[in-house]
PDB file of N, CA and C in Angstrom:
ATOM      1  N   MET A   1     216.122  84.828   7.612  1.00  0.00           N
ATOM      2  CA  MET A   1     216.529  86.219   6.940  1.00  0.00           C
ATOM      3  C   MET A   1     215.362  86.203   5.989  1.00  0.00           C
ATOM      4  N   ARG A   2     214.357  85.234   6.052  1.00  0.00           N
ATOM      5  CA  ARG A   2     212.987  85.077   4.803  1.00  0.00           C
ATOM      6  C   ARG A   2     212.340  85.903   6.179  1.00  0.00           C
ATOM      7  N   LYS A   3     211.852  85.604   7.227  1.00  0.00           N
ATOM      8  CA  LYS A   3     210.938  86.641   8.481  1.00  0.00           C
ATOM      9  C   LYS A   3     211.010  87.730   8.365  1.00  0.00           C
ATOM     10  N   VAL A   4     212.293  87.805   7.939  1.00  0.00           N
ATOM     11  CA  VAL A   4     212.856  89.532   8.570  1.00  0.00           C
ATOM     12  C   VAL A   4     212.127  90.230   6.872  1.00  0.00           C
ATOM     13  N   ILE A   5     212.580  89.475   5.542  1.00  0.00           N
ATOM     14  CA  ILE A   5     212.008  90.209   4.519  1.00  0.00           C
ATOM     15  C   ILE A   5     210.802  90.411   4.492  1.00  0.00           C
ATOM     16  N   GLY A   6     210.052  89.130   5.224  1.00  0.00           N
ATOM     17  CA  GLY A   6     208.279  89.173   4.980  1.00  0.00           C
ATOM     18  C   GLY A   6     207.635  90.308   6.090  1.00  0.00           C
ATOM     19  N   LEU A   7     208.761  90.324   6.836  1.00  0.00           N
ATOM     20  CA  LEU A   7     208.009  91.521   7.760  1.00  0.00           C
ATOM     21  C   LEU A   7     208.345  92.778   7.228  1.00  0.00           C
ATOM     22  N   ILE A   8     209.236  93.129   6.633  1.00  0.00           N
ATOM     23  CA  ILE A   8     209.351  94.419   5.526  1.00  0.00           C
ATOM     24  C   ILE A   8     209.028  94.552   4.809  1.00  0.00           C
ATOM     25  N   CYS A   9     208.532  93.793   4.188  1.00  0.00           N
ATOM     26  CA  CYS A   9     207.335  93.762   2.990  1.00  0.00           C
ATOM     27  C   CYS A   9     206.015  94.494   3.548  1.00  0.00           C
ATOM     28  N   LEU A  10     205.259  93.327   4.371  1.00  0.00           N
ATOM     29  CA  LEU A  10     204.536  93.766   5.778  1.00  0.00           C
ATOM     30  C   LEU A  10     204.273  95.082   6.360  1.00  0.00           C
ATOM     31  N   VAL A  11     205.425  95.727   6.257  1.00  0.00           N
ATOM     32  CA  VAL A  11     205.559  97.193   7.052  1.00  0.00           C
ATOM     33  C   VAL A  11     205.197  98.220   5.970  1.00  0.00           C
ATOM     34  N   LEU A  12     206.176  97.916   4.414  1.00  0.00           N
ATOM     35  CA  LEU A  12     205.670  98.407   3.941  1.00  0.00           C
ATOM     36  C   LEU A  12     204.467  98.780   3.256  1.00  0.00           C
ATOM     37  N   GLY A  13     204.118  97.508   2.886  1.00  0.00           N
ATOM     38  CA  GLY A  13     202.609  97.156   1.920  1.00  0.00           C
ATOM     39  C   GLY A  13     201.790  98.291   3.322  1.00  0.00           C
ATOM     40  N   VAL A  14     201.291  98.304   4.886  1.00  0.00           N
ATOM     41  CA  VAL A  14     200.859  99.315   5.851  1.00  0.00           C
ATOM     42  C   VAL A  14     201.150 100.714   5.443  1.00  0.00           C
ATOM     43  N   VAL A  15     202.125 100.680   4.909  1.00  0.00           N
ATOM     44  CA  VAL A  15     202.746 102.123   5.011  1.00  0.00           C
ATOM     45  C   VAL A  15     202.303 102.845   3.601  1.00  0.00           C
ATOM     46  N   LEU A  16     202.344 102.273   2.761  1.00  0.00           N
ATOM     47  CA  LEU A  16     201.729 102.481   1.259  1.00  0.00           C
ATOM     48  C   LEU A  16     200.445 102.666   1.118  1.00  0.00           C
ATOM     49  N   ILE A  17     199.566 101.861   2.192  1.00  0.00           N
ATOM     50  CA  ILE A  17     198.127 102.011   2.117  1.00  0.00           C
ATOM     51  C   ILE A  17     197.717 103.409   2.892  1.00  0.00           C
ATOM     52  N   LEU A  18     198.123 103.475   3.807  1.00  0.00           N
ATOM     53  CA  LEU A  18     198.343 104.019   4.402  1.00  0.00           C
ATOM     54  C   LEU A  18     198.470 105.414   3.686  1.00  0.00           C
ATOM     55  N   GLN A  19     199.526 106.174   2.753  1.00  0.00           N
ATOM     56  CA  GLN A  19     200.029 106.969   2.944  1.00  0.00           C
ATOM     57  C   GLN A  19     198.825 106.704   1.357  1.00  0.00           C
ATOM     58  N   GLY A  20     198.357 105.887   0.527  1.00  0.00           N
ATOM     59  CA  GLY A  20     197.016 106.367  -0.460  1.00  0.00           C
ATOM     60  C   GLY A  20     195.825 106.800   0.687  1.00  0.00           C
ATOM     61  N   ARG A  21     195.296 106.619   1.748  1.00  0.00           N
ATOM     62  CA  ARG A  21     193.901 106.844   2.250  1.00  0.00           C
ATOM     63  C   ARG A  21     194.705 108.364   2.073  1.00  0.00           C
ATOM     64  N   SER A  22     195.851 109.027   2.624  1.00  0.00           N
ATOM     65  CA  SER A  22     196.274 110.560   2.840  1.00  0.00           C
ATOM     66  C   SER A  22     196.346 111.187   1.889  1.00  0.00           C
ATOM     67  N   ILE A  23     196.377 110.489   0.912  1.00  0.00           N
ATOM     68  CA  ILE A  23     196.344 111.928  -0.966  1.00  0.00           C
ATOM     69  C   ILE A  23     195.360 112.396  -0.878  1.00  0.00           C
ATOM     70  N   PRO A  24     193.889 111.633  -1.347  1.00  0.00           N
ATOM     71  CA  PRO A  24     192.500 112.712  -1.125  1.00  0.00           C
ATOM     72  C   PRO A  24     192.748 113.844  -0.401  1.00  0.00           C
ATOM     73  N   GLU A  25     192.730 113.326   0.334  1.00  0.00           N
ATOM     74  CA  GLU A  25     192.601 114.890   1.433  1.00  0.00           C
ATOM     75  C   GLU A  25     193.893 116.123   1.118  1.00  0.00           C
ATOM     76  N   ASP A  26     194.998 115.827   0.192  1.00  0.00           N
ATOM     77  CA  ASP A  26     196.058 116.638   0.749  1.00  0.00           C
ATOM     78  C   ASP A  26     195.391 117.938  -0.807  1.00  0.00           C
ATOM     79  N   LEU A  27     195.602 118.952  -0.842  1.00  0.00           N
ATOM     80  CA  LEU A  27     194.834 120.113  -1.233  1.00  0.00           C
ATOM     81  C   LEU A  27     195.465 120.249  -2.694  1.00  0.00           C
ATOM     82  N   ASP A  28     196.860 119.470  -3.012  1.00  0.00           N
ATOM     83  CA  ASP A  28     197.709 119.582  -3.821  1.00  0.00           C
ATOM     84  C   ASP A  28     196.392 118.116  -4.965  1.00  0.00           C
ATOM     85  N   HIS A  29     196.467 117.461  -4.508  1.00  0.00           N
ATOM     86  CA  HIS A  29     195.348 115.985  -5.559  1.00  0.00           C
ATOM     87  C   HIS A  29     193.991 117.082  -6.024  1.00  0.00           C
ATOM     88  N   GLN A  30     193.475 117.374  -4.862  1.00  0.00           N
ATOM     89  CA  GLN A  30     191.897 118.170  -4.839  1.00  0.00           C
ATOM     90  C   GLN A  30     192.159 119.274  -6.056  1.00  0.00           C
ATOM     91  N   LEU A  31     193.299 119.732  -5.980  1.00  0.00           N
ATOM     92  CA  LEU A  31     193.482 121.365  -7.307  1.00  0.00           C
ATOM     93  C   LEU A  31     193.784 119.981  -8.694  1.00  0.00           C
ATOM     94  N   LYS A  32     194.493 119.188  -8.446  1.00  0.00           N
ATOM     95  CA  LYS A  32     194.901 118.885  -9.896  1.00  0.00           C
ATOM     96  C   LYS A  32     193.502 117.939 -10.146  1.00  0.00           C
ATOM     97  N   TYR A  33     192.944 117.352  -9.707  1.00  0.00           N
ATOM     98  CA  TYR A  33     191.469 116.204  -9.376  1.00  0.00           C
ATOM     99  C   TYR A  33     190.520 117.615 -10.617  1.00  0.00           C
ATOM    100  N   PHE A  34     190.387 119.022 -10.078  1.00  0.00           N
ATOM    101  CA  PHE A  34     189.633 119.493 -10.771  1.00  0.00           C
ATOM    102  C   PHE A  34     190.247 119.644 -12.231  1.00  0.00           C
ATOM    103  N   MET A  35     191.012 119.697 -13.119  1.00  0.00           N
ATOM    104  CA  MET A  35     191.512 119.869 -13.821  1.00  0.00           C
ATOM    105  C   MET A  35     191.117 118.868 -14.801  1.00  0.00           C
ATOM    106  N   PRO A  36     190.623 118.934 -16.223  1.00  0.00           N
ATOM    107  CA  PRO A  36     189.874 117.909 -17.046  1.00  0.00           C
ATOM    108  C   PRO A  36     190.764 117.125 -17.357  1.00  0.00           C
ATOM    109  N   GLY A  37     190.814 115.615 -17.537  1.00  0.00           N
ATOM    110  CA  GLY A  37     191.732 114.140 -17.677  1.00  0.00           C
ATOM    111  C   GLY A  37     192.774 114.279 -16.873  1.00  0.00           C
ATOM    112  N   MET A  38     192.375 114.725 -15.749  1.00  0.00           N
ATOM    113  CA  MET A  38     193.641 114.252 -14.677  1.00  0.00           C
ATOM    114  C   MET A  38     192.892 113.358 -13.565  1.00  0.00           C
ATOM    115  N   PRO A  39     193.507 111.978 -13.997  1.00  0.00           N
ATOM    116  CA  PRO A  39     193.207 110.660 -13.039  1.00  0.00           C
ATOM    117  C   PRO A  39     193.428 110.546 -12.061  1.00  0.00           C
ATOM    118  N   ARG A  40     192.740 110.237 -11.081  1.00  0.00           N
ATOM    119  CA  ARG A  40     193.363 109.424  -9.704  1.00  0.00           C
ATOM    120  C   ARG A  40     193.820 108.430  -9.992  1.00  0.00           C
ATOM    121  N   TYR A  41     195.025 107.827 -10.308  1.00  0.00           N
ATOM    122  CA  TYR A  41     195.797 106.294 -10.539  1.00  0.00           C
ATOM    123  C   TYR A  41     196.451 106.103  -9.462  1.00  0.00           C
ATOM    124  N   ARG A  42     197.195 107.736  -8.807  1.00  0.00           N
ATOM    125  CA  ARG A  42     198.200 106.797  -8.324  1.00  0.00           C
ATOM    126  C   ARG A  42     197.303 106.778  -6.591  1.00  0.00           C
ATOM    127  N   THR A  43     196.152 107.152  -6.116  1.00  0.00           N
ATOM    128  CA  THR A  43     195.738 106.190  -4.998  1.00  0.00           C
ATOM    129  C   THR A  43     195.697 104.598  -5.548  1.00  0.00           C
ATOM    130  N   THR A  44     194.788 104.298  -7.110  1.00  0.00           N
ATOM    131  CA  THR A  44     194.707 102.428  -6.886  1.00  0.00           C
ATOM    132  C   THR A  44     196.086 102.494  -6.927  1.00  0.00           C
ATOM    133  N   TYR A  45     197.283 102.725  -7.582  1.00  0.00           N
ATOM    134  CA  TYR A  45     198.818 101.627  -7.593  1.00  0.00           C
ATOM    135  C   TYR A  45     198.832 101.504  -5.952  1.00  0.00           C
ATOM    136  N   LEU A  46     198.649 102.556  -5.237  1.00  0.00           N
ATOM    137  CA  LEU A  46     199.373 102.937  -4.069  1.00  0.00           C
ATOM    138  C   LEU A  46     198.654 101.623  -3.040  1.00  0.00           C
ATOM    139  N   TYR A  47     197.514 101.315  -3.845  1.00  0.00           N
ATOM    140  CA  TYR A  47     196.298 100.222  -2.821  1.00  0.00           C
ATOM    141  C   TYR A  47     196.837  99.102  -3.098  1.00  0.00           C
ATOM    142  N   ILE A  48     197.006  98.768  -5.140  1.00  0.00           N
ATOM    143  CA  ILE A  48     197.435  97.540  -5.211  1.00  0.00           C
ATOM    144  C   ILE A  48     198.521  97.488  -4.927  1.00  0.00           C
ATOM    145  N   ALA A  49     199.743  98.088  -5.072  1.00  0.00           N
ATOM    146  CA  ALA A  49     201.208  97.804  -4.260  1.00  0.00           C
ATOM    147  C   ALA A  49     201.369  97.585  -2.728  1.00  0.00           C
ATOM    148  N   GLY A  50     200.452  97.746  -2.156  1.00  0.00           N
ATOM    149  CA  GLY A  50     200.553  97.592  -0.673  1.00  0.00           C
ATOM    150  C   GLY A  50     199.996  96.617  -0.246  1.00  0.00           C
ATOM    151  N   GLY A  51     198.659  96.056  -0.884  1.00  0.00           N
ATOM    152  CA  GLY A  51     198.162  95.162  -0.754  1.00  0.00           C
ATOM    153  C   GLY A  51     199.307  93.680  -1.236  1.00  0.00           C
ATOM    154  N   LEU A  52     199.369  94.102  -2.323  1.00  0.00           N
ATOM    155  CA  LEU A  52     200.277  93.068  -2.372  1.00  0.00           C
ATOM    156  C   LEU A  52     201.653  92.632  -1.091  1.00  0.00           C
ATOM    157  N   LEU A  53     202.238  93.779  -1.152  1.00  0.00           N
ATOM    158  CA  LEU A  53     203.119  93.523  -0.353  1.00  0.00           C
ATOM    159  C   LEU A  53     202.925  92.767   0.960  1.00  0.00           C
ATOM    160  N   ILE A  54     201.582  93.137   1.499  1.00  0.00           N
ATOM    161  CA  ILE A  54     201.146  92.621   2.848  1.00  0.00           C
ATOM    162  C   ILE A  54     201.202  91.722   2.529  1.00  0.00           C
ATOM    163  N   GLY A  55     200.362  90.804   1.497  1.00  0.00           N
ATOM    164  CA  GLY A  55     200.204  89.432   1.309  1.00  0.00           C
ATOM    165  C   GLY A  55     201.857  88.831   0.903  1.00  0.00           C
ATOM    166  N   TYR A  56     202.498  89.105   0.585  1.00  0.00           N
ATOM    167  CA  TYR A  56     203.759  88.793   0.142  1.00  0.00           C
ATOM    168  C   TYR A  56     204.684  88.686   1.789  1.00  0.00           C
ATOM    169  N   GLY A  57     204.638  89.447   2.172  1.00  0.00           N
ATOM    170  CA  GLY A  57     204.594  89.583   4.273  1.00  0.00           C
ATOM    171  C   GLY A  57     204.491  88.346   4.544  1.00  0.00           C
ATOM    172  N   LEU A  58     203.016  88.350   4.448  1.00  0.00           N
ATOM    173  CA  LEU A  58     202.203  87.775   5.420  1.00  0.00           C
ATOM    174  C   LEU A  58     202.347  85.910   4.857  1.00  0.00           C
ATOM    175  N   LEU A  59     202.570  86.243   3.663  1.00  0.00           N
ATOM    176  CA  LEU A  59     203.521  84.511   2.965  1.00  0.00           C
ATOM    177  C   LEU A  59     204.737  83.892   3.214  1.00  0.00           C
ATOM    178  N   ASN A  60     205.242  84.948   3.790  1.00  0.00           N
ATOM    179  CA  ASN A  60     206.479  84.904   4.079  1.00  0.00           C
ATOM    180  C   ASN A  60     206.701  84.546   5.283  1.00  0.00           C
ATOM    181  N   LEU A  61     206.272  85.516   6.491  1.00  0.00           N
ATOM    182  CA  LEU A  61     205.589  85.136   7.699  1.00  0.00           C
ATOM    183  C   LEU A  61     205.550  83.608   8.292  1.00  0.00           C
ATOM    184  N   VAL A  62     204.181  83.615   7.800  1.00  0.00           N
ATOM    185  CA  VAL A  62     203.498  81.772   7.583  1.00  0.00           C
ATOM    186  C   VAL A  62     203.738  80.869   7.074  1.00  0.00           C
ATOM    187  N   TRP A  63     204.590  80.538   5.743  1.00  0.00           N
ATOM    188  CA  TRP A  63     204.701  79.741   5.136  1.00  0.00           C
ATOM    189  C   TRP A  63     205.644  79.036   5.292  1.00  0.00           C
ATOM    190  N   PRO A  64     205.612  77.707   5.529  1.00  0.00           N
ATOM    191  CA  PRO A  64     206.518  76.968   5.925  1.00  0.00           C
ATOM    192  C   PRO A  64     208.178  76.821   5.005  1.00  0.00           C
ATOM    193  N   ARG A  65     209.061  76.692   6.135  1.00  0.00           N
ATOM    194  CA  ARG A  65     210.239  76.703   5.233  1.00  0.00           C
ATOM    195  C   ARG A  65     210.231  75.611   4.601  1.00  0.00           C
ATOM    196  N   LYS A  66     210.899  74.952   3.216  1.00  0.00           N
ATOM    197  CA  LYS A  66     211.698  73.630   2.677  1.00  0.00           C
ATOM    198  C   LYS A  66     212.972  73.220   3.539  1.00  0.00           C
ATOM    199  N   LYS A  67     212.503  72.115   3.909  1.00  0.00           N
ATOM    200  CA  LYS A  67     213.994  71.701   4.529  1.00  0.00           C
ATOM    201  C   LYS A  67     214.670  70.648   3.162  1.00  0.00           C
ATOM    202  N   SER A  68     215.706  71.078   2.603  1.00  0.00           N
ATOM    203  CA  SER A  68     216.788  70.757   1.804  1.00  0.00           C
ATOM    204  C   SER A  68     217.468  69.453   2.264  1.00  0.00           C
TER     205      SER A  68
END
């Protein structure tokens, strides 16, 4: 079960990073950026969340399971 959760987190992390890369190309995002005071934080949040999910997924896949 732990490896399945790790694989799901890994896939979700990659999807978030790919979604973060495609946001600056959207016309809607470019129009919002021209307005004063509109920061580009959404891409940063997607990169951070994607990186954390990839790290968690890799740890679940690679780290040995505890024997009780």
